[in-house]
Amino acid sequence: MATGRTLDRRAELSEFLRSRRARLKPEDVGLAGFGRHRRVPGLRREELAQLAGVSVAYYTRLEQGNGRNVSAEVLDSIARALRLTDAEHAHLTHLAKPKAHKKKPAARQQQVRAVLRQLLDSMDGVPAYIVGRCSQILAWNRMAAAVFGDWGELPPAERNWARLVFLRPAYRELFVDWEQKAIDIVCALRMDAGCDPDDARLSVLVGELSVKSEEFRRLWATHDVKEKSHGVKHLHHPLVGDLALNFESFRLTDGSEQVLVTYHADPDSASADSLRLLASWGADATRAATR
C-alpha cells in the first residue's frame, strides 16, 4: 500500500511472500497435508522453509520484510519452492535485493526520443504507442488515436492506462475482456513497484486508484506480477464494432524504461478491413473512439 511519499519495500516483500505461500497447498508440492483442518491457507512457514532448505527462523525474517544480506542462491531456492514464474522471481529479487538507484528529480518528465516519434508516425495503418513507467502513455500515432481515443485531448497526467481503464467507463466498453486488461495493468504496476518503490508518482497513482476503484484495490491486493509481451486483444469499437488485434510489446534497451506497443490484424480478416476503414475516416474515427 502507499505510505507517505513512497511504497514500503519491506511491506511489499512481506506481503508478496505471504501471498505466494498462501496459494500453494501441501499436496501441490508433495508434502503430507497434516490433517484436514489448517489454521492458515496454503503452506505453513515451516513447510516452505523445509522445501527451500533454509531454517524456519531465516525464512520468517525474510517474510517479515528483512531481506538484508540474503543471497541469490537462497532466493533461487525460495523461488523454486514457491513455484514462481520468471516474472515473479525477478520481482522477488528486486524487493529483497534492490539495486542502488540514483536519486531521481521529483519533477523529471519521461521523454520520448524524436526519432521514435518519427517511427510511430511512419507506421501507417498500424496502431502503435509508447508507454513508460507507471503505465504512462507517452507518444502515439494517428491509428492508435483512431482505435483507442484521442489522448491528446487529455491533460498529460490523465494519459495513463491505469487511470483510463479503472476510472473511465468508455474503456470498459472498448475492451471486450475488461477484467483481463485490468489485471495486466495491475501486474505491470506491481513490477514497477518492485523495480522502483521510491517513485513517488507511483505511490500517488496507487493511492488515487485505491481510493476511487474497488476493483483496483482487489487486484492490487493479490500481489500478482507478470509480463505480457504479445497476444490478441479483442475490442468493441463504437464505429466499426468488433476488432481482434494482435499486439506485440518491445522493451527499449536505451535505459528509458519505455515500451513500444504495436497492433495489427490478421491479413484478409474483417478486423483488417475495419482498420482500413478507420484509417480512411481519420479525425472522425479518433473523436469517436472513446466517446
Protein backbone atom coordinates (compact mmCIF):
# COMPACT_ATOMS: atom_id res chain seq x y z
CA MET A 1 0.00 0.00 0.00
CA ALA A 2 1.00 3.61 -0.39
CA THR A 3 2.60 5.01 2.76
CA GLY A 4 3.58 8.64 2.67
CA ARG A 5 5.72 9.52 -0.30
CA THR A 6 6.72 6.07 -1.49
CA LEU A 7 5.87 2.39 -1.21
CA ASP A 8 7.26 0.44 1.75
CA ARG A 9 9.69 -2.09 0.29
CA ARG A 10 9.72 -4.25 3.44
CA ALA A 11 5.93 -4.44 3.48
CA GLU A 12 5.88 -5.21 -0.25
CA LEU A 13 8.36 -8.09 0.25
CA SER A 14 6.45 -9.47 3.23
CA GLU A 15 3.04 -9.33 1.55
CA PHE A 16 4.35 -10.79 -1.69
CA LEU A 17 5.89 -13.83 0.03
CA ARG A 18 2.78 -14.38 2.13
CA SER A 19 0.54 -14.23 -0.93
CA ARG A 20 2.71 -16.69 -2.90
CA ARG A 21 2.84 -19.11 0.06
CA ALA A 22 -0.92 -18.90 0.56
CA ARG A 23 -1.70 -20.06 -2.96
CA LEU A 24 0.15 -23.39 -2.55
CA LYS A 25 -1.28 -26.50 -0.89
CA PRO A 26 0.91 -29.20 0.68
CA GLU A 27 -0.23 -31.72 -1.89
CA ASP A 28 0.84 -29.32 -4.67
CA VAL A 29 4.47 -29.71 -3.61
CA GLY A 30 4.45 -33.36 -2.48
CA LEU A 31 4.01 -32.77 1.26
CA ALA A 32 1.60 -34.56 3.56
CA GLY A 33 -1.44 -32.49 4.45
CA PHE A 34 -1.01 -32.80 8.24
CA GLY A 35 -4.72 -33.20 8.78
CA ARG A 36 -7.75 -31.74 7.13
CA HIS A 37 -8.03 -28.58 9.23
CA ARG A 38 -5.36 -25.92 8.83
CA ARG A 39 -5.34 -22.55 10.55
CA VAL A 40 -3.86 -20.73 7.57
CA PRO A 41 -4.40 -21.12 3.82
CA GLY A 42 -1.61 -22.61 1.81
CA LEU A 43 1.77 -23.77 3.07
CA ARG A 44 2.97 -23.11 6.58
CA ARG A 45 6.24 -21.25 7.02
CA GLU A 46 7.98 -24.36 8.30
CA GLU A 47 6.82 -26.30 5.23
CA LEU A 48 8.12 -23.65 2.87
CA ALA A 49 11.41 -23.46 4.76
CA GLN A 50 11.75 -27.25 4.51
CA LEU A 51 11.21 -27.13 0.74
CA ALA A 52 13.67 -24.28 0.29
CA GLY A 53 16.34 -25.86 2.50
CA VAL A 54 16.59 -22.95 4.95
CA SER A 55 15.82 -22.63 8.63
CA VAL A 56 12.35 -21.58 9.73
CA ALA A 57 13.86 -18.61 11.59
CA TYR A 58 15.71 -17.46 8.46
CA TYR A 59 12.64 -17.68 6.26
CA THR A 60 10.49 -15.98 8.90
CA ARG A 61 12.86 -13.00 8.97
CA LEU A 62 12.68 -12.78 5.19
CA GLU A 63 8.89 -12.96 5.17
CA GLN A 64 8.81 -10.21 7.77
CA GLY A 65 10.49 -7.99 5.19
CA ASN A 66 14.11 -8.33 6.30
CA GLY A 67 15.88 -9.15 3.05
CA ARG A 68 19.28 -7.76 4.06
CA ASN A 69 22.21 -9.99 3.19
CA VAL A 70 20.03 -12.67 1.60
CA SER A 71 21.96 -14.46 -1.13
CA ALA A 72 20.88 -15.01 -4.71
CA GLU A 73 21.14 -18.77 -4.09
CA VAL A 74 18.67 -18.62 -1.21
CA LEU A 75 16.26 -16.52 -3.25
CA ASP A 76 16.53 -19.06 -6.07
CA SER A 77 15.67 -21.86 -3.63
CA ILE A 78 12.70 -19.99 -2.25
CA ALA A 79 11.51 -19.12 -5.75
CA ARG A 80 11.64 -22.80 -6.72
CA ALA A 81 9.81 -23.83 -3.54
CA LEU A 82 7.10 -21.26 -4.21
CA ARG A 83 6.98 -22.24 -7.89
CA LEU A 84 7.40 -18.65 -9.00
CA THR A 85 7.29 -17.67 -12.64
CA ASP A 86 10.26 -15.86 -14.16
CA ALA A 87 8.49 -12.52 -13.66
CA GLU A 88 7.67 -13.35 -10.03
CA HIS A 89 11.25 -14.49 -9.42
CA ALA A 90 12.57 -11.20 -10.80
CA HIS A 91 10.06 -9.28 -8.66
CA LEU A 92 11.19 -11.14 -5.52
CA THR A 93 14.81 -10.34 -6.30
CA HIS A 94 14.04 -6.64 -6.83
CA LEU A 95 12.23 -6.48 -3.49
CA ALA A 96 14.79 -8.45 -1.46
CA LYS A 97 17.99 -7.19 -3.10
CA PRO A 98 17.25 -3.74 -4.51
CA LYS A 99 19.76 -2.20 -6.86
CA ALA A 100 21.18 1.14 -5.92
CA HIS A 101 19.38 3.88 -7.83
CA LYS A 102 20.48 7.43 -8.27
CA LYS A 103 18.04 9.85 -6.72
CA LYS A 104 15.63 10.91 -9.44
CA PRO A 105 14.42 14.50 -9.55
CA ALA A 106 10.80 14.60 -8.41
CA ALA A 107 9.63 16.61 -11.40
CA ARG A 108 11.60 14.78 -14.09
CA GLN A 109 9.35 14.00 -17.03
CA GLN A 110 9.61 10.91 -19.17
CA GLN A 111 10.81 11.95 -22.62
CA VAL A 112 10.43 10.11 -25.92
CA ARG A 113 13.26 10.49 -28.42
CA ALA A 114 12.34 12.41 -31.58
CA VAL A 115 13.36 9.51 -33.81
CA LEU A 116 10.88 7.25 -32.00
CA ARG A 117 8.09 9.73 -32.62
CA GLN A 118 9.06 9.69 -36.28
CA LEU A 119 8.92 5.90 -36.23
CA LEU A 120 5.39 5.97 -34.80
CA ASP A 121 4.24 8.41 -37.49
CA SER A 122 5.76 6.24 -40.21
CA MET A 123 3.79 3.15 -39.14
CA ASP A 124 0.86 3.91 -41.40
CA GLY A 125 -2.13 1.65 -40.73
CA VAL A 126 -0.57 0.17 -37.58
CA PRO A 127 -1.88 1.43 -34.21
CA ALA A 128 1.19 1.99 -32.04
CA TYR A 129 2.17 3.87 -28.90
CA ILE A 130 4.97 4.14 -26.35
CA VAL A 131 4.24 3.59 -22.67
CA GLY A 132 6.62 4.49 -19.84
CA ARG A 133 6.82 3.96 -16.10
CA CYS A 134 3.59 3.76 -14.11
CA SER A 135 1.60 2.88 -17.27
CA GLN A 136 2.01 6.42 -18.62
CA ILE A 137 1.18 6.82 -22.34
CA LEU A 138 3.96 8.99 -23.72
CA ALA A 139 3.51 9.03 -27.51
CA TRP A 140 1.18 7.52 -30.10
CA ASN A 141 0.34 7.64 -33.79
CA ARG A 142 -2.82 8.56 -35.67
CA MET A 143 -4.07 4.97 -35.88
CA ALA A 144 -3.68 4.43 -32.13
CA ALA A 145 -5.86 7.50 -31.60
CA ALA A 146 -8.44 6.14 -34.04
CA VAL A 147 -8.62 2.85 -32.15
CA PHE A 148 -8.17 3.92 -28.51
CA GLY A 149 -9.23 7.58 -28.46
CA ASP A 150 -7.64 10.99 -28.77
CA TRP A 151 -5.31 11.07 -25.79
CA GLY A 152 -4.14 14.50 -26.96
CA GLU A 153 -7.39 15.94 -25.60
CA LEU A 154 -6.49 14.78 -22.08
CA PRO A 155 -4.18 16.51 -19.58
CA PRO A 156 -0.77 14.74 -19.56
CA ALA A 157 -1.39 13.19 -16.13
CA GLU A 158 -4.57 11.53 -17.42
CA ARG A 159 -2.78 9.85 -20.34
CA ASN A 160 -2.30 6.80 -18.20
CA TRP A 161 -3.57 3.29 -18.87
CA ALA A 162 -4.39 2.62 -15.23
CA ARG A 163 -6.46 5.78 -14.87
CA LEU A 164 -8.18 5.21 -18.22
CA VAL A 165 -9.13 1.59 -17.58
CA PHE A 166 -10.22 1.92 -13.96
CA LEU A 167 -11.76 5.40 -13.96
CA ARG A 168 -13.25 5.96 -17.45
CA PRO A 169 -16.42 3.99 -18.31
CA ALA A 170 -15.77 4.20 -22.07
CA TYR A 171 -12.81 1.84 -21.73
CA ARG A 172 -14.98 -0.79 -20.06
CA GLU A 173 -16.99 -0.84 -23.27
CA LEU A 174 -13.95 -0.72 -25.53
CA PHE A 175 -12.19 -3.79 -24.07
CA VAL A 176 -14.28 -6.93 -24.52
CA ASP A 177 -12.35 -8.67 -21.70
CA TRP A 178 -12.05 -5.63 -19.44
CA GLU A 179 -11.15 -7.73 -16.41
CA GLN A 180 -8.08 -9.18 -18.14
CA LYS A 181 -6.94 -5.76 -19.28
CA ALA A 182 -7.28 -4.51 -15.70
CA ILE A 183 -5.28 -7.48 -14.39
CA ASP A 184 -2.50 -6.88 -16.92
CA ILE A 185 -2.20 -3.24 -15.89
CA VAL A 186 -2.05 -4.01 -12.17
CA CYS A 187 0.54 -6.73 -12.75
CA ALA A 188 2.69 -4.26 -14.67
CA LEU A 189 2.36 -1.67 -11.91
CA ARG A 190 3.44 -4.29 -9.38
CA MET A 191 6.56 -4.90 -11.47
CA ASP A 192 7.25 -1.16 -11.46
CA ALA A 193 6.79 -1.11 -7.68
CA GLY A 194 9.37 -3.85 -7.26
CA CYS A 195 11.91 -2.13 -9.51
CA ASP A 196 11.48 1.36 -8.05
CA PRO A 197 9.29 1.64 -4.94
CA ASP A 198 10.83 5.08 -4.28
CA ASP A 199 8.96 6.55 -7.26
CA ALA A 200 6.59 8.99 -5.54
CA ARG A 201 4.42 9.23 -8.66
CA LEU A 202 3.72 5.50 -8.48
CA SER A 203 2.72 5.84 -4.83
CA VAL A 204 0.36 8.71 -5.71
CA LEU A 205 -1.17 6.69 -8.56
CA VAL A 206 -1.71 3.61 -6.39
CA GLY A 207 -3.20 5.75 -3.63
CA GLU A 208 -5.58 7.53 -6.01
CA LEU A 209 -6.79 4.32 -7.66
CA SER A 210 -7.15 2.57 -4.30
CA VAL A 211 -9.50 5.33 -3.15
CA LYS A 212 -11.51 5.61 -6.36
CA SER A 213 -11.75 2.00 -7.55
CA GLU A 214 -12.79 -1.02 -5.50
CA GLU A 215 -11.73 -3.25 -8.40
CA PHE A 216 -8.23 -1.79 -8.34
CA ARG A 217 -7.96 -2.39 -4.58
CA ARG A 218 -9.00 -6.01 -5.07
CA LEU A 219 -6.48 -6.66 -7.83
CA TRP A 220 -3.65 -4.76 -6.13
CA ALA A 221 -4.09 -6.90 -3.02
CA THR A 222 -3.36 -10.10 -4.98
CA HIS A 223 0.31 -9.08 -5.45
CA ASP A 224 0.31 -10.79 -8.85
CA VAL A 225 3.09 -9.87 -11.27
CA LYS A 226 3.69 -10.86 -14.86
CA GLU A 227 4.99 -9.54 -18.14
CA LYS A 228 2.80 -9.90 -21.22
CA SER A 229 4.75 -9.21 -24.38
CA HIS A 230 2.30 -10.43 -27.03
CA GLY A 231 -1.19 -11.74 -27.55
CA VAL A 232 -4.57 -10.89 -29.05
CA LYS A 233 -6.72 -8.03 -27.83
CA HIS A 234 -10.47 -8.05 -28.53
CA LEU A 235 -12.10 -4.64 -28.74
CA HIS A 236 -15.59 -3.33 -29.41
CA HIS A 237 -15.08 -0.06 -31.29
CA PRO A 238 -18.01 2.42 -31.35
CA LEU A 239 -17.68 2.92 -35.12
CA VAL A 240 -16.59 -0.40 -36.63
CA GLY A 241 -17.70 -2.91 -34.00
CA ASP A 242 -15.60 -5.90 -33.00
CA LEU A 243 -11.85 -5.93 -33.61
CA ALA A 244 -9.37 -8.75 -33.00
CA LEU A 245 -5.87 -7.24 -32.98
CA ASN A 246 -2.54 -8.95 -32.42
CA PHE A 247 -0.29 -6.94 -30.13
CA GLU A 248 3.48 -7.03 -29.66
CA SER A 249 5.45 -5.21 -26.96
CA PHE A 250 9.08 -4.23 -27.46
CA ARG A 251 11.02 -3.02 -24.42
CA LEU A 252 13.53 -0.36 -25.45
CA THR A 253 17.13 -1.03 -24.48
CA ASP A 254 18.22 2.59 -24.11
CA GLY A 255 17.61 2.74 -20.35
CA SER A 256 14.42 4.77 -20.72
CA GLU A 257 12.18 2.03 -19.26
CA GLN A 258 9.84 2.58 -22.20
CA VAL A 259 7.91 0.00 -24.22
CA LEU A 260 6.77 0.24 -27.84
CA VAL A 261 3.40 -1.49 -28.36
CA THR A 262 2.02 -2.26 -31.81
CA TYR A 263 -1.27 -3.75 -33.02
CA HIS A 264 -2.14 -5.39 -36.30
CA ALA A 265 -4.94 -7.52 -37.70
CA ASP A 266 -4.61 -10.86 -39.47
CA PRO A 267 -4.35 -10.39 -43.25
CA ASP A 268 -7.63 -10.51 -45.17
CA SER A 269 -9.66 -10.51 -41.95
CA ALA A 270 -12.70 -8.46 -41.03
CA SER A 271 -10.55 -6.64 -38.48
CA ALA A 272 -8.05 -5.69 -41.20
CA ASP A 273 -10.90 -4.22 -43.24
CA SER A 274 -12.10 -2.32 -40.18
CA LEU A 275 -8.65 -0.85 -39.54
CA ARG A 276 -8.51 0.39 -43.14
CA LEU A 277 -11.93 1.93 -42.68
CA LEU A 278 -10.81 3.71 -39.50
CA ALA A 279 -7.73 4.99 -41.31
CA SER A 280 -9.88 6.44 -44.09
CA TRP A 281 -12.14 8.22 -41.57
CA GLY A 282 -9.16 9.90 -39.93
CA ALA A 283 -10.12 12.53 -37.35
CA ASP A 284 -13.74 11.38 -37.24
CA ALA A 285 -12.65 7.95 -36.02
CA THR A 286 -10.30 9.50 -33.47
CA ARG A 287 -13.03 11.64 -31.95
CA ALA A 288 -15.46 8.72 -31.74
CA ALA A 289 -13.07 6.10 -30.35
CA THR A 290 -13.77 6.55 -26.64
CA ARG A 291 -16.90 8.70 -26.57
